[in-house]
């Protein structure tokens, strides 16, 4: 039985790693629309278990299921059917969901006054991140940035990485787009075991800034 979702912040919950997405971590953000109706965002797919369905329903369901990359889309049709959610995905990944009605974006899309998604190619052609402006700024990176063995956020070069120089370029662009005041935490989409019990990467901007980008550029693919 998977562990119960854990609170990262008061309105953000992390699900246990999902074997269907090769250990991917999904998140639920609780939001409301201007009329006070639930407008929750599910980031990638947790295990499609009865317990998870009940938890999500008790929190108000899902308005938007946002897919960060092609590896995070297990059981999308089931989540869409149960919660009548719109599925938001970068346009280059949408063909992988031929039976699903999707909402596609090119470069970015504003979901609410406090949440937006944007394209970050590299890990896969259409990988993308979600930025949530509460709590000092929280970035949900999918597999674009993952914790390394020191718990710092870093791009990881894999044998299946789509375009490593592009992934590095988009990762460094985050330092220009944000600041220590607007990027406090990162919630990665996998490898959360390296966080050693923490539920997020704190001081995210400073840790990203301290990476050795030249060494990363020369990195060889991991398995």
N, C-alpha and C. Protein backbone atom coordinates (compact mmCIF):
# COMPACT_ATOMS: atom_id res chain seq x y z
N UNK A 1 0.85 -1.20 0.00
CA UNK A 1 0.00 0.00 0.00
C UNK A 1 0.89 1.25 0.00
N UNK A 2 0.67 2.20 -0.93
CA UNK A 2 1.50 3.40 -0.97
C UNK A 2 1.28 4.27 0.26
N UNK A 3 2.31 5.02 0.62
CA UNK A 3 2.19 5.94 1.74
C UNK A 3 1.18 7.03 1.43
N UNK A 4 0.56 7.56 2.48
CA UNK A 4 -0.38 8.66 2.29
C UNK A 4 0.37 9.89 1.79
N UNK A 5 -0.28 10.72 0.99
CA UNK A 5 0.36 11.96 0.53
C UNK A 5 0.83 12.81 1.72
N UNK A 6 1.96 13.45 1.53
CA UNK A 6 2.58 14.24 2.59
C UNK A 6 2.48 15.73 2.28
N UNK A 7 2.20 16.53 3.30
CA UNK A 7 2.13 17.97 3.11
C UNK A 7 3.53 18.55 2.94
N UNK A 8 3.75 19.24 1.83
CA UNK A 8 4.99 19.99 1.61
C UNK A 8 4.83 21.39 2.18
N UNK A 9 3.71 21.99 1.88
CA UNK A 9 3.24 23.24 2.48
C UNK A 9 1.76 23.03 2.79
N UNK A 10 1.13 24.05 3.35
CA UNK A 10 -0.27 23.90 3.75
C UNK A 10 -1.17 23.52 2.59
N UNK A 11 -0.87 24.00 1.38
CA UNK A 11 -1.73 23.75 0.23
C UNK A 11 -1.03 22.95 -0.87
N UNK A 12 0.07 22.29 -0.54
CA UNK A 12 0.81 21.49 -1.52
C UNK A 12 1.11 20.12 -0.91
N UNK A 13 0.78 19.07 -1.64
CA UNK A 13 0.97 17.71 -1.16
C UNK A 13 1.79 16.90 -2.16
N UNK A 14 2.68 16.07 -1.63
CA UNK A 14 3.51 15.18 -2.46
C UNK A 14 3.02 13.75 -2.29
N UNK A 15 2.91 13.04 -3.41
CA UNK A 15 2.52 11.64 -3.39
C UNK A 15 3.77 10.75 -3.35
N UNK A 16 3.59 9.54 -2.88
CA UNK A 16 4.69 8.57 -2.88
C UNK A 16 5.13 8.28 -4.31
N UNK A 17 6.41 7.95 -4.52
CA UNK A 17 6.88 7.62 -5.87
C UNK A 17 6.01 6.54 -6.52
N UNK A 18 5.76 6.73 -7.80
CA UNK A 18 4.86 5.87 -8.56
C UNK A 18 5.67 4.94 -9.47
N UNK A 19 5.56 3.64 -9.26
CA UNK A 19 6.33 2.71 -10.07
C UNK A 19 5.92 2.76 -11.54
N UNK A 20 4.67 3.20 -11.82
CA UNK A 20 4.21 3.29 -13.21
C UNK A 20 4.93 4.41 -13.97
N UNK A 21 5.49 5.36 -13.24
CA UNK A 21 6.27 6.44 -13.88
C UNK A 21 7.74 6.35 -13.47
N UNK A 22 8.20 5.12 -13.22
CA UNK A 22 9.60 4.86 -12.88
C UNK A 22 10.05 5.66 -11.66
N UNK A 23 9.21 5.64 -10.63
CA UNK A 23 9.56 6.32 -9.39
C UNK A 23 9.29 7.81 -9.38
N UNK A 24 8.45 8.27 -10.29
CA UNK A 24 8.12 9.69 -10.35
C UNK A 24 7.29 10.14 -9.16
N UNK A 25 7.49 11.40 -8.76
CA UNK A 25 6.72 12.00 -7.67
C UNK A 25 5.73 12.99 -8.24
N UNK A 26 4.46 12.81 -7.90
CA UNK A 26 3.39 13.71 -8.32
C UNK A 26 3.03 14.63 -7.15
N UNK A 27 2.41 15.77 -7.48
CA UNK A 27 2.05 16.76 -6.47
C UNK A 27 0.63 17.26 -6.71
N UNK A 28 -0.03 17.66 -5.63
CA UNK A 28 -1.35 18.29 -5.71
C UNK A 28 -1.25 19.68 -5.09
N UNK A 29 -1.65 20.70 -5.87
CA UNK A 29 -1.72 22.08 -5.38
C UNK A 29 -3.18 22.44 -5.19
N UNK A 30 -3.53 22.90 -4.01
CA UNK A 30 -4.90 23.32 -3.74
C UNK A 30 -5.06 24.79 -4.10
N UNK A 31 -6.00 25.07 -4.99
CA UNK A 31 -6.31 26.45 -5.37
C UNK A 31 -7.82 26.60 -5.50
N UNK A 32 -8.26 27.85 -5.53
CA UNK A 32 -9.67 28.18 -5.78
C UNK A 32 -9.74 29.21 -6.88
N UNK A 33 -10.84 29.15 -7.65
CA UNK A 33 -11.05 30.17 -8.67
C UNK A 33 -11.70 31.40 -8.03
N UNK A 34 -11.91 32.49 -8.77
CA UNK A 34 -12.46 33.71 -8.16
C UNK A 34 -13.82 33.53 -7.50
N UNK A 35 -14.57 32.52 -7.94
CA UNK A 35 -15.89 32.29 -7.34
C UNK A 35 -15.83 31.40 -6.10
N UNK A 36 -14.62 30.96 -5.75
CA UNK A 36 -14.47 30.11 -4.58
C UNK A 36 -14.56 28.63 -4.86
N UNK A 37 -14.71 28.27 -6.13
CA UNK A 37 -14.76 26.86 -6.50
C UNK A 37 -13.35 26.28 -6.54
N UNK A 38 -13.26 24.98 -6.28
CA UNK A 38 -11.97 24.31 -6.32
C UNK A 38 -11.35 24.40 -7.71
N UNK A 39 -10.06 24.72 -7.75
CA UNK A 39 -9.32 24.79 -9.02
C UNK A 39 -7.96 24.11 -8.84
N UNK A 40 -7.99 22.94 -8.23
CA UNK A 40 -6.76 22.24 -7.87
C UNK A 40 -5.97 21.81 -9.11
N UNK A 41 -4.66 21.72 -8.94
CA UNK A 41 -3.75 21.31 -10.00
C UNK A 41 -3.02 20.05 -9.56
N UNK A 42 -3.13 18.99 -10.35
CA UNK A 42 -2.38 17.76 -10.13
C UNK A 42 -1.20 17.77 -11.09
N UNK A 43 0.00 17.66 -10.55
CA UNK A 43 1.21 17.69 -11.37
C UNK A 43 1.73 16.27 -11.54
N UNK A 44 1.63 15.75 -12.75
CA UNK A 44 1.96 14.37 -13.09
C UNK A 44 1.03 13.39 -12.36
N UNK A 45 1.21 12.12 -12.63
CA UNK A 45 0.25 11.11 -12.16
C UNK A 45 0.80 10.31 -10.99
N UNK A 46 0.13 10.36 -9.85
CA UNK A 46 0.46 9.41 -8.78
C UNK A 46 -0.12 8.05 -9.13
N UNK A 47 0.15 7.07 -8.30
CA UNK A 47 -0.48 5.76 -8.50
C UNK A 47 -2.00 5.92 -8.47
N UNK A 48 -2.68 5.23 -9.37
CA UNK A 48 -4.15 5.34 -9.46
C UNK A 48 -4.78 4.36 -8.48
N UNK A 49 -4.64 4.65 -7.19
CA UNK A 49 -5.15 3.78 -6.14
C UNK A 49 -6.43 4.36 -5.56
N UNK A 50 -7.20 3.51 -4.90
CA UNK A 50 -8.43 3.98 -4.25
C UNK A 50 -8.11 5.04 -3.19
N UNK A 51 -7.04 4.82 -2.44
CA UNK A 51 -6.68 5.78 -1.40
C UNK A 51 -6.34 7.14 -2.00
N UNK A 52 -5.60 7.14 -3.09
CA UNK A 52 -5.26 8.42 -3.73
C UNK A 52 -6.49 9.09 -4.31
N UNK A 53 -7.37 8.31 -4.91
CA UNK A 53 -8.60 8.90 -5.45
C UNK A 53 -9.43 9.54 -4.34
N UNK A 54 -9.54 8.86 -3.21
CA UNK A 54 -10.31 9.42 -2.10
C UNK A 54 -9.65 10.67 -1.55
N UNK A 55 -8.33 10.64 -1.44
CA UNK A 55 -7.61 11.82 -0.93
C UNK A 55 -7.84 13.02 -1.84
N UNK A 56 -7.67 12.82 -3.14
CA UNK A 56 -7.84 13.92 -4.09
C UNK A 56 -9.28 14.44 -4.06
N UNK A 57 -10.24 13.52 -4.02
CA UNK A 57 -11.65 13.92 -3.98
C UNK A 57 -11.95 14.73 -2.72
N UNK A 58 -11.39 14.31 -1.59
CA UNK A 58 -11.64 15.01 -0.33
C UNK A 58 -11.05 16.42 -0.34
N UNK A 59 -10.02 16.63 -1.15
CA UNK A 59 -9.40 17.95 -1.25
C UNK A 59 -10.05 18.83 -2.32
N UNK A 60 -11.07 18.30 -2.99
CA UNK A 60 -11.78 19.11 -3.97
C UNK A 60 -11.60 18.68 -5.41
N UNK A 61 -10.97 17.51 -5.63
CA UNK A 61 -10.81 17.01 -6.99
C UNK A 61 -9.68 17.69 -7.74
N UNK A 62 -9.73 17.60 -9.06
CA UNK A 62 -8.68 18.15 -9.92
C UNK A 62 -9.33 18.93 -11.05
N UNK A 63 -8.94 20.18 -11.20
CA UNK A 63 -9.36 20.96 -12.36
C UNK A 63 -8.40 20.75 -13.52
N UNK A 64 -7.10 20.78 -13.22
CA UNK A 64 -6.07 20.67 -14.25
C UNK A 64 -5.07 19.59 -13.88
N UNK A 65 -4.85 18.65 -14.78
CA UNK A 65 -3.77 17.68 -14.66
C UNK A 65 -2.66 18.14 -15.59
N UNK A 66 -1.56 18.60 -15.00
CA UNK A 66 -0.43 19.12 -15.76
C UNK A 66 0.65 18.06 -15.86
N UNK A 67 1.07 17.76 -17.08
CA UNK A 67 2.10 16.75 -17.32
C UNK A 67 3.43 17.46 -17.60
N UNK A 68 4.44 17.18 -16.78
CA UNK A 68 5.72 17.87 -16.93
C UNK A 68 6.59 17.29 -18.04
N UNK A 69 6.40 16.02 -18.35
CA UNK A 69 7.20 15.37 -19.39
C UNK A 69 6.57 14.03 -19.71
N UNK A 70 7.02 13.41 -20.77
CA UNK A 70 6.37 12.19 -21.26
C UNK A 70 6.45 11.03 -20.28
N UNK A 71 7.40 11.04 -19.36
CA UNK A 71 7.49 9.96 -18.39
C UNK A 71 6.53 10.09 -17.23
N UNK A 72 5.79 11.21 -17.14
CA UNK A 72 4.90 11.42 -16.00
C UNK A 72 3.44 11.18 -16.30
N UNK A 73 3.15 10.48 -17.41
CA UNK A 73 1.76 10.44 -17.88
C UNK A 73 1.08 9.09 -17.76
N UNK A 74 1.47 8.26 -16.80
CA UNK A 74 0.80 6.99 -16.61
C UNK A 74 -0.64 7.20 -16.16
N UNK A 75 -1.57 6.48 -16.77
CA UNK A 75 -2.99 6.47 -16.37
C UNK A 75 -3.66 7.83 -16.45
N UNK A 76 -3.20 8.66 -17.37
CA UNK A 76 -3.85 9.95 -17.59
C UNK A 76 -5.33 9.78 -17.93
N UNK A 77 -5.71 8.86 -18.83
CA UNK A 77 -7.15 8.73 -19.15
C UNK A 77 -7.99 8.43 -17.92
N UNK A 78 -7.47 7.62 -17.00
CA UNK A 78 -8.23 7.27 -15.80
C UNK A 78 -8.42 8.49 -14.91
N UNK A 79 -7.38 9.27 -14.69
CA UNK A 79 -7.51 10.47 -13.87
C UNK A 79 -8.45 11.48 -14.53
N UNK A 80 -8.35 11.63 -15.84
CA UNK A 80 -9.23 12.57 -16.52
C UNK A 80 -10.69 12.14 -16.39
N UNK A 81 -10.93 10.85 -16.53
CA UNK A 81 -12.31 10.34 -16.47
C UNK A 81 -12.90 10.51 -15.07
N UNK A 82 -12.15 10.14 -14.04
CA UNK A 82 -12.67 10.18 -12.68
C UNK A 82 -12.93 11.61 -12.21
N UNK A 83 -12.03 12.52 -12.54
CA UNK A 83 -12.11 13.88 -12.00
C UNK A 83 -12.57 14.92 -13.02
N UNK A 84 -12.82 14.48 -14.26
CA UNK A 84 -13.26 15.39 -15.33
C UNK A 84 -12.28 16.56 -15.45
N UNK A 85 -11.01 16.24 -15.40
CA UNK A 85 -9.96 17.26 -15.41
C UNK A 85 -9.54 17.60 -16.82
N UNK A 86 -9.15 18.84 -17.03
CA UNK A 86 -8.46 19.17 -18.28
C UNK A 86 -7.02 18.70 -18.16
N UNK A 87 -6.48 18.17 -19.24
CA UNK A 87 -5.10 17.69 -19.26
C UNK A 87 -4.27 18.72 -20.01
N UNK A 88 -3.33 19.33 -19.32
CA UNK A 88 -2.49 20.38 -19.90
C UNK A 88 -1.10 19.82 -20.14
N UNK A 89 -0.61 19.99 -21.38
CA UNK A 89 0.67 19.40 -21.75
C UNK A 89 1.32 20.25 -22.83
N UNK A 90 2.65 20.31 -22.82
CA UNK A 90 3.34 21.04 -23.88
C UNK A 90 3.07 20.35 -25.21
N UNK A 91 2.90 21.14 -26.26
CA UNK A 91 2.37 20.63 -27.52
C UNK A 91 3.20 19.49 -28.13
N UNK A 92 4.51 19.43 -27.85
CA UNK A 92 5.34 18.40 -28.45
C UNK A 92 5.19 17.03 -27.79
N UNK A 93 4.53 16.97 -26.63
CA UNK A 93 4.31 15.69 -25.96
C UNK A 93 2.89 15.17 -26.18
N UNK A 94 2.01 16.00 -26.70
CA UNK A 94 0.58 15.66 -26.72
C UNK A 94 0.27 14.45 -27.59
N UNK A 95 1.08 14.21 -28.64
CA UNK A 95 0.79 13.07 -29.53
C UNK A 95 0.90 11.73 -28.81
N UNK A 96 1.55 11.71 -27.66
CA UNK A 96 1.70 10.48 -26.90
C UNK A 96 0.43 10.12 -26.14
N UNK A 97 -0.57 10.99 -26.18
CA UNK A 97 -1.86 10.73 -25.53
C UNK A 97 -2.97 10.79 -26.58
N UNK A 98 -2.96 9.87 -27.55
CA UNK A 98 -3.90 9.97 -28.67
C UNK A 98 -5.36 9.81 -28.30
N UNK A 99 -5.64 9.15 -27.17
CA UNK A 99 -7.04 8.92 -26.77
C UNK A 99 -7.54 9.96 -25.77
N UNK A 100 -6.70 10.94 -25.45
CA UNK A 100 -7.04 11.92 -24.41
C UNK A 100 -7.26 13.29 -25.04
N UNK A 101 -8.31 13.97 -24.63
CA UNK A 101 -8.51 15.36 -25.03
C UNK A 101 -7.57 16.24 -24.20
N UNK A 102 -6.67 16.92 -24.88
CA UNK A 102 -5.65 17.69 -24.17
C UNK A 102 -5.76 19.18 -24.47
N UNK A 103 -5.34 19.97 -23.52
CA UNK A 103 -5.14 21.40 -23.69
C UNK A 103 -3.64 21.59 -23.87
N UNK A 104 -3.23 22.18 -24.99
CA UNK A 104 -1.81 22.25 -25.32
C UNK A 104 -1.31 23.69 -25.24
N UNK A 105 -0.07 23.84 -24.86
CA UNK A 105 0.53 25.17 -24.86
C UNK A 105 1.88 25.11 -25.57
N UNK A 106 2.34 26.27 -26.02
CA UNK A 106 3.61 26.34 -26.75
C UNK A 106 4.74 26.72 -25.79
N UNK A 107 4.78 27.98 -25.38
CA UNK A 107 5.87 28.43 -24.50
C UNK A 107 5.45 28.53 -23.04
N UNK A 108 4.29 29.11 -22.78
CA UNK A 108 3.85 29.21 -21.39
C UNK A 108 2.34 29.40 -21.34
N UNK A 109 1.79 29.19 -20.15
CA UNK A 109 0.35 29.36 -19.94
C UNK A 109 0.13 29.75 -18.48
N UNK A 110 -0.63 30.81 -18.28
CA UNK A 110 -1.00 31.24 -16.93
C UNK A 110 -2.23 30.46 -16.51
N UNK A 111 -2.15 29.73 -15.41
CA UNK A 111 -3.28 28.94 -14.93
C UNK A 111 -4.12 29.71 -13.93
N UNK A 112 -3.49 30.57 -13.17
CA UNK A 112 -4.17 31.35 -12.14
C UNK A 112 -3.26 32.52 -11.79
N UNK A 113 -3.72 33.43 -10.94
CA UNK A 113 -2.82 34.53 -10.54
C UNK A 113 -1.54 34.06 -9.85
N UNK A 114 -1.51 32.82 -9.37
CA UNK A 114 -0.34 32.35 -8.61
C UNK A 114 0.35 31.14 -9.24
N UNK A 115 -0.13 30.65 -10.36
CA UNK A 115 0.48 29.46 -10.98
C UNK A 115 0.58 29.63 -12.49
N UNK A 116 1.74 29.29 -13.04
CA UNK A 116 1.91 29.29 -14.48
C UNK A 116 2.84 28.15 -14.88
N UNK A 117 2.71 27.70 -16.11
CA UNK A 117 3.57 26.64 -16.63
C UNK A 117 4.40 27.21 -17.78
N UNK A 118 5.58 26.64 -17.98
CA UNK A 118 6.42 27.10 -19.08
C UNK A 118 7.30 25.95 -19.58
N UNK A 119 7.63 26.03 -20.84
CA UNK A 119 8.40 25.01 -21.56
C UNK A 119 9.87 25.06 -21.13
N UNK A 120 10.44 23.90 -20.87
CA UNK A 120 11.85 23.75 -20.53
C UNK A 120 12.40 22.52 -21.23
N UNK A 121 12.60 22.60 -22.53
CA UNK A 121 13.03 21.44 -23.30
C UNK A 121 14.41 20.97 -22.87
N UNK A 122 14.70 19.72 -23.17
CA UNK A 122 16.01 19.16 -22.89
C UNK A 122 15.89 17.73 -22.43
N UNK A 123 15.27 17.53 -21.27
CA UNK A 123 15.06 16.15 -20.81
C UNK A 123 14.24 15.38 -21.83
N UNK A 124 13.17 15.99 -22.29
CA UNK A 124 12.39 15.50 -23.42
C UNK A 124 12.02 16.71 -24.26
N UNK A 125 11.53 16.52 -25.50
CA UNK A 125 11.25 17.68 -26.36
C UNK A 125 10.27 18.67 -25.74
N UNK A 126 9.28 18.16 -25.01
CA UNK A 126 8.27 19.04 -24.46
C UNK A 126 8.23 19.08 -22.95
N UNK A 127 9.36 18.84 -22.29
CA UNK A 127 9.36 18.91 -20.83
C UNK A 127 9.06 20.35 -20.39
N UNK A 128 8.41 20.48 -19.24
CA UNK A 128 7.94 21.78 -18.79
C UNK A 128 7.91 21.82 -17.26
N UNK A 129 7.86 23.02 -16.72
CA UNK A 129 7.83 23.25 -15.28
C UNK A 129 6.58 24.05 -14.91
N UNK A 130 6.22 23.99 -13.63
CA UNK A 130 5.14 24.82 -13.10
C UNK A 130 5.72 25.67 -11.98
N UNK A 131 5.44 26.97 -12.03
CA UNK A 131 5.87 27.89 -10.99
C UNK A 131 4.65 28.35 -10.20
N UNK A 132 4.75 28.25 -8.87
CA UNK A 132 3.70 28.63 -7.94
C UNK A 132 4.28 29.70 -7.03
N UNK A 133 3.68 30.88 -7.02
CA UNK A 133 4.33 32.04 -6.40
C UNK A 133 4.20 32.12 -4.89
N UNK A 134 3.38 31.28 -4.26
CA UNK A 134 3.27 31.31 -2.81
C UNK A 134 4.51 30.69 -2.16
N UNK A 135 4.61 30.88 -0.84
CA UNK A 135 5.68 30.26 -0.04
C UNK A 135 7.08 30.67 -0.50
N UNK A 136 7.20 31.88 -1.01
CA UNK A 136 8.50 32.35 -1.48
C UNK A 136 8.85 31.90 -2.87
N UNK A 137 7.93 31.23 -3.54
CA UNK A 137 8.15 30.75 -4.89
C UNK A 137 8.55 29.28 -4.90
N UNK A 138 7.70 28.45 -5.50
CA UNK A 138 7.94 27.00 -5.57
C UNK A 138 7.95 26.60 -7.04
N UNK A 139 9.00 25.90 -7.46
CA UNK A 139 9.13 25.44 -8.83
C UNK A 139 9.02 23.92 -8.86
N UNK A 140 8.06 23.43 -9.64
CA UNK A 140 7.87 22.00 -9.84
C UNK A 140 8.56 21.64 -11.16
N UNK A 141 9.64 20.87 -11.07
CA UNK A 141 10.54 20.74 -12.21
C UNK A 141 10.39 19.44 -12.98
N UNK A 142 9.50 18.53 -12.56
CA UNK A 142 9.47 17.24 -13.24
C UNK A 142 10.85 16.61 -13.17
N UNK A 143 11.36 16.16 -14.32
CA UNK A 143 12.73 15.62 -14.36
C UNK A 143 13.72 16.59 -15.00
N UNK A 144 13.31 17.83 -15.17
CA UNK A 144 14.21 18.84 -15.72
C UNK A 144 15.36 19.12 -14.75
N UNK A 145 15.04 19.24 -13.47
CA UNK A 145 16.04 19.35 -12.41
C UNK A 145 15.69 18.32 -11.35
N UNK A 146 16.69 17.57 -10.90
CA UNK A 146 16.50 16.56 -9.87
C UNK A 146 17.53 16.77 -8.76
N UNK A 147 17.23 16.31 -7.55
CA UNK A 147 18.24 16.44 -6.49
C UNK A 147 19.44 15.52 -6.77
N UNK A 148 20.65 16.07 -6.60
CA UNK A 148 21.83 15.22 -6.69
C UNK A 148 22.11 14.61 -5.32
N UNK A 149 23.24 13.96 -5.17
CA UNK A 149 23.53 13.25 -3.91
C UNK A 149 23.69 14.21 -2.73
N UNK A 150 23.94 15.46 -3.02
CA UNK A 150 24.02 16.47 -1.94
C UNK A 150 22.68 17.14 -1.70
N UNK A 151 21.66 16.73 -2.42
CA UNK A 151 20.33 17.31 -2.26
C UNK A 151 20.14 18.63 -2.97
N UNK A 152 21.08 19.00 -3.84
CA UNK A 152 20.95 20.24 -4.61
C UNK A 152 20.27 19.96 -5.94
N UNK A 153 19.53 20.92 -6.48
CA UNK A 153 18.86 20.69 -7.77
C UNK A 153 19.87 20.76 -8.90
N UNK A 154 19.78 19.80 -9.82
CA UNK A 154 20.73 19.79 -10.94
C UNK A 154 20.11 19.06 -12.12
N UNK A 155 20.44 19.46 -13.34
CA UNK A 155 20.05 18.67 -14.50
C UNK A 155 20.85 17.37 -14.50
N UNK A 156 20.23 16.29 -14.93
CA UNK A 156 20.87 14.98 -14.95
C UNK A 156 20.88 14.45 -16.37
N UNK A 157 22.07 14.19 -16.88
CA UNK A 157 22.19 13.67 -18.24
C UNK A 157 22.00 12.16 -18.24
N UNK A 158 21.01 11.69 -18.98
CA UNK A 158 20.70 10.27 -19.09
C UNK A 158 20.94 9.81 -20.52
N UNK A 159 20.98 8.51 -20.71
CA UNK A 159 21.16 7.99 -22.06
C UNK A 159 19.99 8.38 -22.97
N UNK A 160 18.82 8.60 -22.38
CA UNK A 160 17.64 8.97 -23.17
C UNK A 160 17.36 10.47 -23.17
N UNK A 161 18.27 11.27 -22.61
CA UNK A 161 18.09 12.73 -22.63
C UNK A 161 17.96 13.21 -24.07
N UNK A 162 16.96 14.02 -24.33
CA UNK A 162 16.69 14.49 -25.69
C UNK A 162 17.78 15.41 -26.20
N UNK A 163 18.14 16.45 -25.42
CA UNK A 163 19.10 17.45 -25.91
C UNK A 163 19.80 18.07 -24.70
N UNK A 164 21.00 17.57 -24.39
CA UNK A 164 21.70 17.99 -23.18
C UNK A 164 22.09 19.47 -23.19
N UNK A 165 22.70 20.02 -24.24
CA UNK A 165 23.02 21.46 -24.21
C UNK A 165 21.78 22.33 -24.01
N UNK A 166 20.67 21.93 -24.60
CA UNK A 166 19.45 22.71 -24.43
C UNK A 166 18.95 22.62 -22.99
N UNK A 167 19.04 21.43 -22.40
CA UNK A 167 18.62 21.29 -21.01
C UNK A 167 19.47 22.16 -20.09
N UNK A 168 20.76 22.19 -20.34
CA UNK A 168 21.63 23.06 -19.54
C UNK A 168 21.28 24.53 -19.73
N UNK A 169 21.02 24.91 -20.97
CA UNK A 169 20.71 26.32 -21.26
C UNK A 169 19.42 26.74 -20.56
N UNK A 170 18.40 25.91 -20.64
CA UNK A 170 17.14 26.25 -19.98
C UNK A 170 17.29 26.22 -18.45
N UNK A 171 18.13 25.34 -17.94
CA UNK A 171 18.36 25.30 -16.50
C UNK A 171 19.03 26.58 -16.02
N UNK A 172 20.04 27.04 -16.75
CA UNK A 172 20.72 28.29 -16.39
C UNK A 172 19.80 29.50 -16.56
N UNK A 173 18.88 29.42 -17.49
CA UNK A 173 17.95 30.53 -17.70
C UNK A 173 17.10 30.79 -16.47
N UNK A 174 16.88 29.76 -15.66
CA UNK A 174 16.11 29.94 -14.44
C UNK A 174 16.77 30.96 -13.51
N UNK A 175 18.09 31.03 -13.55
CA UNK A 175 18.79 32.00 -12.70
C UNK A 175 18.53 33.43 -13.14
N UNK A 176 18.26 33.61 -14.43
CA UNK A 176 17.91 34.95 -14.94
C UNK A 176 16.44 35.27 -14.71
N UNK A 177 15.60 34.25 -14.78
CA UNK A 177 14.16 34.47 -14.68
C UNK A 177 13.68 34.64 -13.24
N UNK A 178 14.45 34.11 -12.29
CA UNK A 178 14.05 34.17 -10.88
C UNK A 178 15.15 34.83 -10.06
N UNK A 179 14.93 34.89 -8.76
CA UNK A 179 15.89 35.47 -7.83
C UNK A 179 15.76 34.71 -6.51
N UNK A 180 16.66 34.95 -5.55
CA UNK A 180 16.49 34.29 -4.25
C UNK A 180 15.16 34.63 -3.59
N UNK A 181 14.60 35.79 -3.94
CA UNK A 181 13.32 36.20 -3.33
C UNK A 181 12.12 35.55 -4.01
N UNK A 182 12.28 35.09 -5.25
CA UNK A 182 11.14 34.53 -5.98
C UNK A 182 11.26 33.03 -6.21
N UNK A 183 12.39 32.42 -5.85
CA UNK A 183 12.55 30.98 -6.00
C UNK A 183 13.15 30.41 -4.72
N UNK A 184 12.26 30.07 -3.81
CA UNK A 184 12.69 29.57 -2.50
C UNK A 184 12.84 28.05 -2.49
N UNK A 185 11.93 27.35 -3.19
CA UNK A 185 11.89 25.89 -3.09
C UNK A 185 11.71 25.25 -4.46
N UNK A 186 12.25 24.05 -4.60
CA UNK A 186 12.00 23.22 -5.77
C UNK A 186 11.40 21.90 -5.31
N UNK A 187 10.34 21.49 -5.99
CA UNK A 187 9.72 20.19 -5.78
C UNK A 187 10.04 19.34 -7.01
N UNK A 188 11.00 18.42 -6.90
CA UNK A 188 11.42 17.65 -8.07
C UNK A 188 10.46 16.50 -8.36
N UNK A 189 10.49 16.04 -9.62
CA UNK A 189 9.58 14.99 -10.05
C UNK A 189 10.10 13.59 -9.88
N UNK A 190 11.25 13.41 -9.25
CA UNK A 190 11.83 12.09 -9.00
C UNK A 190 13.04 12.25 -8.09
N UNK A 191 13.65 11.12 -7.74
CA UNK A 191 14.88 11.09 -6.93
C UNK A 191 14.71 11.77 -5.58
N UNK A 192 13.51 11.74 -5.03
CA UNK A 192 13.27 12.43 -3.76
C UNK A 192 13.96 11.73 -2.59
N UNK A 193 14.44 10.50 -2.78
CA UNK A 193 15.20 9.84 -1.73
C UNK A 193 16.46 10.60 -1.36
N UNK A 194 17.02 11.35 -2.32
CA UNK A 194 18.22 12.15 -2.04
C UNK A 194 17.92 13.34 -1.14
N UNK A 195 16.66 13.62 -0.89
CA UNK A 195 16.31 14.73 0.00
C UNK A 195 16.38 14.33 1.47
N UNK A 196 16.60 13.04 1.73
CA UNK A 196 16.83 12.52 3.09
C UNK A 196 15.73 12.95 4.06
N UNK A 197 14.52 12.70 3.67
CA UNK A 197 13.39 12.99 4.55
C UNK A 197 12.78 14.36 4.36
N UNK A 198 13.49 15.27 3.73
CA UNK A 198 12.90 16.57 3.42
C UNK A 198 11.90 16.39 2.27
N UNK A 199 10.94 17.28 2.19
CA UNK A 199 9.90 17.15 1.17
C UNK A 199 10.09 18.12 0.01
N UNK A 200 11.16 18.88 0.06
CA UNK A 200 11.43 19.86 -0.99
C UNK A 200 12.90 20.23 -0.94
N UNK A 201 13.38 20.90 -1.96
CA UNK A 201 14.73 21.47 -1.95
C UNK A 201 14.61 22.92 -1.51
N UNK A 202 15.11 23.23 -0.34
CA UNK A 202 15.07 24.60 0.19
C UNK A 202 16.26 25.40 -0.32
N UNK A 203 16.17 26.73 -0.20
CA UNK A 203 17.23 27.62 -0.69
C UNK A 203 17.58 27.26 -2.14
N UNK A 204 16.54 27.06 -2.92
CA UNK A 204 16.70 26.48 -4.26
C UNK A 204 17.53 27.37 -5.17
N UNK A 205 17.28 28.66 -5.16
CA UNK A 205 18.02 29.55 -6.07
C UNK A 205 19.51 29.52 -5.77
N UNK A 206 19.86 29.64 -4.50
CA UNK A 206 21.28 29.66 -4.13
C UNK A 206 21.96 28.35 -4.51
N UNK A 207 21.28 27.23 -4.32
CA UNK A 207 21.87 25.94 -4.66
C UNK A 207 22.03 25.79 -6.17
N UNK A 208 21.06 26.28 -6.91
CA UNK A 208 21.16 26.24 -8.37
C UNK A 208 22.31 27.12 -8.84
N UNK A 209 22.46 28.26 -8.20
CA UNK A 209 23.51 29.21 -8.57
C UNK A 209 24.90 28.64 -8.32
N UNK A 210 25.02 27.75 -7.36
CA UNK A 210 26.34 27.24 -6.97
C UNK A 210 26.79 26.03 -7.79
N UNK A 211 25.99 25.57 -8.74
CA UNK A 211 26.36 24.41 -9.54
C UNK A 211 27.58 24.71 -10.41
N UNK A 212 28.36 23.68 -10.68
CA UNK A 212 29.51 23.78 -11.59
C UNK A 212 29.01 23.48 -13.00
N UNK A 213 28.65 24.52 -13.72
CA UNK A 213 28.02 24.33 -15.03
C UNK A 213 29.01 23.79 -16.06
N UNK A 214 30.28 24.11 -15.93
CA UNK A 214 31.27 23.57 -16.87
C UNK A 214 31.41 22.07 -16.70
N UNK A 215 31.41 21.61 -15.46
CA UNK A 215 31.49 20.18 -15.21
C UNK A 215 30.24 19.47 -15.73
N UNK A 216 29.09 20.10 -15.56
CA UNK A 216 27.86 19.50 -16.06
C UNK A 216 27.88 19.39 -17.58
N UNK A 217 28.42 20.40 -18.25
CA UNK A 217 28.48 20.37 -19.71
C UNK A 217 29.30 19.19 -20.22
N UNK A 218 30.29 18.79 -19.44
CA UNK A 218 31.16 17.68 -19.85
C UNK A 218 30.68 16.33 -19.32
N UNK A 219 29.56 16.31 -18.60
CA UNK A 219 29.08 15.07 -17.99
C UNK A 219 28.73 14.03 -19.04
N UNK A 220 29.04 12.78 -18.73
CA UNK A 220 28.66 11.67 -19.59
C UNK A 220 27.29 11.15 -19.16
N UNK A 221 26.53 10.55 -20.09
CA UNK A 221 25.19 10.08 -19.73
C UNK A 221 25.23 8.99 -18.67
N UNK A 222 24.35 9.11 -17.67
CA UNK A 222 24.11 8.03 -16.73
C UNK A 222 23.20 7.01 -17.40
N UNK A 223 22.96 5.92 -16.73
CA UNK A 223 22.10 4.89 -17.32
C UNK A 223 20.69 5.40 -17.51
